[in-house]
Amino acid sequence: MDLLVLNHRDPCHPRAGGSEVVLWEVCRRLSRLGVRVTWLAERFPSSREDETFGSILIKRRGDPLSLHFFSLVEARRHEVVLDSVAHAVPFFSYLVNPYSAALVHHVHQDVLDLELGCRNTLSETKSLIFLFNFLCVFTILFSIQLVNCFTSQDTPMSSNIGKS
């Protein structure tokens, strides 16, 4: 089996926490059982783009927002996708790979404010949530269109999709 794990951070990220620890342990155990595991996360200062720990390949692409585009491209290349929802916005991998599952680590009210780096009044927070949701929907729709352009039947890249 070829598994892609999508999470904003990998265990080496300076802001990695409990979600990454739990996910890493799950990935290590699956890898020992013969599952080929690739973990896609955002880049951070001084990080390598690709790194292998044990038999787990960690790919780092983009930033917290652009990672959603990279995740849709990468999700098409793997048999199964685990969409790790640990930082407010899921990757929506099910839109491009029918063998996707979401893993929700925790749900609490302050995660959006924490991710946006603000603690404002209720009205300011509602405005930020609206803006954040709008940007997420726009990014996802734009990313899907872009992925479709790059993976259409008449491009050389389309022959690589789904092959590992």
Protein backbone atom coordinates (compact mmCIF):
# COMPACT_ATOMS: atom_id res chain seq x y z
CA MET A 1 0.00 0.00 0.00
CA ASP A 2 1.12 3.54 -0.81
CA LEU A 3 -0.06 6.03 1.85
CA LEU A 4 0.17 9.83 1.72
CA VAL A 5 -0.15 11.64 5.03
CA LEU A 6 -1.10 15.31 4.83
CA ASN A 7 -0.32 17.47 7.83
CA HIS A 8 0.75 21.10 8.06
CA ARG A 9 3.81 20.22 10.11
CA ASP A 10 6.16 17.28 10.27
CA PRO A 11 7.91 16.11 13.47
CA CYS A 12 10.96 18.31 12.73
CA HIS A 13 8.95 21.54 12.39
CA PRO A 14 9.76 24.05 15.16
CA ARG A 15 6.03 24.31 16.00
CA ALA A 16 5.36 20.54 15.91
CA GLY A 17 3.28 19.28 18.79
CA GLY A 18 1.21 16.37 20.01
CA SER A 19 -0.64 15.80 16.75
CA GLU A 20 2.64 15.33 14.93
CA VAL A 21 3.96 12.95 17.60
CA VAL A 22 0.86 10.75 17.41
CA LEU A 23 0.86 10.79 13.61
CA TRP A 24 4.58 9.96 13.49
CA GLU A 25 4.07 6.91 15.72
CA VAL A 26 1.18 5.70 13.53
CA CYS A 27 3.30 6.18 10.39
CA ARG A 28 6.27 4.31 11.91
CA ARG A 29 4.08 1.34 12.79
CA LEU A 30 2.41 1.26 9.37
CA SER A 31 5.83 1.45 7.73
CA ARG A 32 6.98 -1.58 9.75
CA LEU A 33 3.99 -3.47 8.36
CA GLY A 34 5.15 -2.78 4.80
CA VAL A 35 3.14 0.34 3.98
CA ARG A 36 5.07 2.89 1.89
CA VAL A 37 4.51 6.20 3.75
CA THR A 38 4.99 9.70 2.38
CA TRP A 39 4.33 12.68 4.66
CA LEU A 40 3.61 16.06 3.02
CA ALA A 41 4.05 19.17 5.18
CA GLU A 42 4.85 22.86 4.86
CA ARG A 43 8.41 24.16 4.60
CA PHE A 44 10.06 25.99 7.47
CA PRO A 45 13.33 27.96 7.65
CA SER A 46 16.41 25.77 7.05
CA SER A 47 14.28 22.72 6.22
CA ARG A 48 15.15 20.35 3.40
CA GLU A 49 12.60 19.86 0.65
CA ASP A 50 12.79 16.04 0.87
CA GLU A 51 14.09 13.96 3.75
CA THR A 52 13.83 10.31 4.71
CA PHE A 53 13.61 9.12 8.31
CA GLY A 54 13.71 5.35 8.57
CA SER A 55 11.53 4.37 5.64
CA ILE A 56 9.22 7.42 5.80
CA LEU A 57 9.68 10.06 3.11
CA ILE A 58 8.93 13.60 4.26
CA LYS A 59 8.19 16.10 1.50
CA ARG A 60 8.02 19.78 2.39
CA ARG A 61 6.29 22.18 0.04
CA GLY A 62 4.92 25.70 0.28
CA ASP A 63 3.63 27.55 3.30
CA PRO A 64 0.52 27.10 5.47
CA LEU A 65 -1.77 28.31 2.66
CA SER A 66 -0.05 27.11 -0.54
CA LEU A 67 0.43 23.66 0.97
CA HIS A 68 -3.25 23.07 0.15
CA PHE A 69 -2.46 23.32 -3.57
CA PHE A 70 0.54 20.99 -3.29
CA SER A 71 -1.58 18.52 -1.30
CA LEU A 72 -4.14 18.20 -4.10
CA VAL A 73 -1.42 17.53 -6.67
CA GLU A 74 0.32 14.98 -4.43
CA ALA A 75 -2.92 13.25 -3.35
CA ARG A 76 -3.55 12.17 -6.94
CA ARG A 77 -0.25 10.25 -6.96
CA HIS A 78 -0.96 7.91 -4.04
CA GLU A 79 -3.28 4.97 -3.41
CA VAL A 80 -4.59 6.16 -0.04
CA VAL A 81 -4.56 9.59 1.62
CA LEU A 82 -4.80 10.41 5.31
CA ASP A 83 -5.93 14.04 5.64
CA SER A 84 -4.76 15.08 9.08
CA VAL A 85 -6.99 17.89 10.34
CA ALA A 86 -4.90 19.41 13.09
CA HIS A 87 -4.70 23.09 12.15
CA ALA A 88 -8.19 24.44 11.36
CA VAL A 89 -8.53 23.79 7.61
CA PRO A 90 -8.63 20.29 6.08
CA PHE A 91 -6.82 19.55 2.81
CA PHE A 92 -9.95 18.32 0.98
CA SER A 93 -7.97 15.46 -0.55
CA TYR A 94 -11.20 13.52 -1.13
CA LEU A 95 -11.89 15.89 -4.04
CA VAL A 96 -9.03 14.34 -6.03
CA ASN A 97 -8.59 10.91 -4.43
CA PRO A 98 -11.62 8.76 -3.51
CA TYR A 99 -9.50 6.73 -1.08
CA SER A 100 -9.05 9.56 1.41
CA ALA A 101 -9.88 9.67 5.10
CA ALA A 102 -9.79 12.53 7.58
CA LEU A 103 -8.17 12.23 10.98
CA VAL A 104 -9.35 14.94 13.38
CA HIS A 105 -6.88 15.28 16.25
CA HIS A 106 -8.73 17.82 18.36
CA VAL A 107 -11.50 20.36 18.17
CA HIS A 108 -11.40 23.53 20.20
CA GLN A 109 -12.65 27.06 19.66
CA ASP A 110 -9.40 28.99 19.78
CA VAL A 111 -7.54 27.15 17.02
CA LEU A 112 -8.55 29.62 14.29
CA ASP A 113 -7.47 32.64 16.34
CA LEU A 114 -4.25 30.84 17.22
CA GLU A 115 -3.49 29.96 13.58
CA LEU A 116 -4.28 33.51 12.44
CA GLY A 117 -2.13 34.90 15.24
CA CYS A 118 -4.79 37.12 16.78
CA ARG A 119 -6.98 37.46 19.82
CA ASN A 120 -9.47 40.22 19.02
CA THR A 121 -12.99 41.25 19.91
CA LEU A 122 -15.88 39.04 18.81
CA SER A 123 -16.82 41.25 15.83
CA GLU A 124 -13.20 41.38 14.60
CA THR A 125 -12.90 37.61 14.99
CA LYS A 126 -16.12 37.03 13.00
CA SER A 127 -14.76 39.24 10.20
CA LEU A 128 -11.48 37.36 10.21
CA ILE A 129 -13.30 34.01 10.14
CA PHE A 130 -15.37 35.17 7.15
CA LEU A 131 -12.22 36.36 5.34
CA PHE A 132 -10.35 33.18 6.24
CA ASN A 133 -13.21 30.97 4.99
CA PHE A 134 -13.48 32.97 1.77
CA LEU A 135 -9.73 32.65 1.15
CA CYS A 136 -9.82 28.92 1.87
CA VAL A 137 -12.70 28.29 -0.54
CA PHE A 138 -11.07 30.46 -3.21
CA THR A 139 -7.71 28.69 -2.75
CA ILE A 140 -9.29 25.25 -2.96
CA LEU A 141 -11.35 26.06 -6.07
CA PHE A 142 -8.36 27.69 -7.76
CA SER A 143 -6.13 24.76 -6.80
CA ILE A 144 -8.57 22.22 -8.24
CA GLN A 145 -8.69 24.13 -11.54
CA LEU A 146 -4.89 24.37 -11.61
CA VAL A 147 -4.47 20.67 -10.84
CA ASN A 148 -6.92 19.80 -13.62
CA CYS A 149 -4.90 21.93 -16.05
CA PHE A 150 -1.65 20.16 -15.15
CA THR A 151 -3.15 16.68 -15.26
CA SER A 152 -5.25 16.87 -18.42
CA GLN A 153 -4.84 13.99 -20.87
CA ASP A 154 -2.70 15.93 -23.31
CA THR A 155 0.11 16.82 -20.91
CA PRO A 156 3.16 14.64 -20.25
CA MET A 157 2.57 14.95 -16.48
CA SER A 158 -0.74 13.07 -16.70
CA SER A 159 1.07 9.83 -17.52
CA ASN A 160 2.80 9.99 -14.12
CA ILE A 161 -0.33 10.47 -12.02
CA GLY A 162 -1.15 7.46 -9.91
CA LYS A 163 2.22 5.81 -10.54
CA SER A 164 4.81 5.52 -7.81
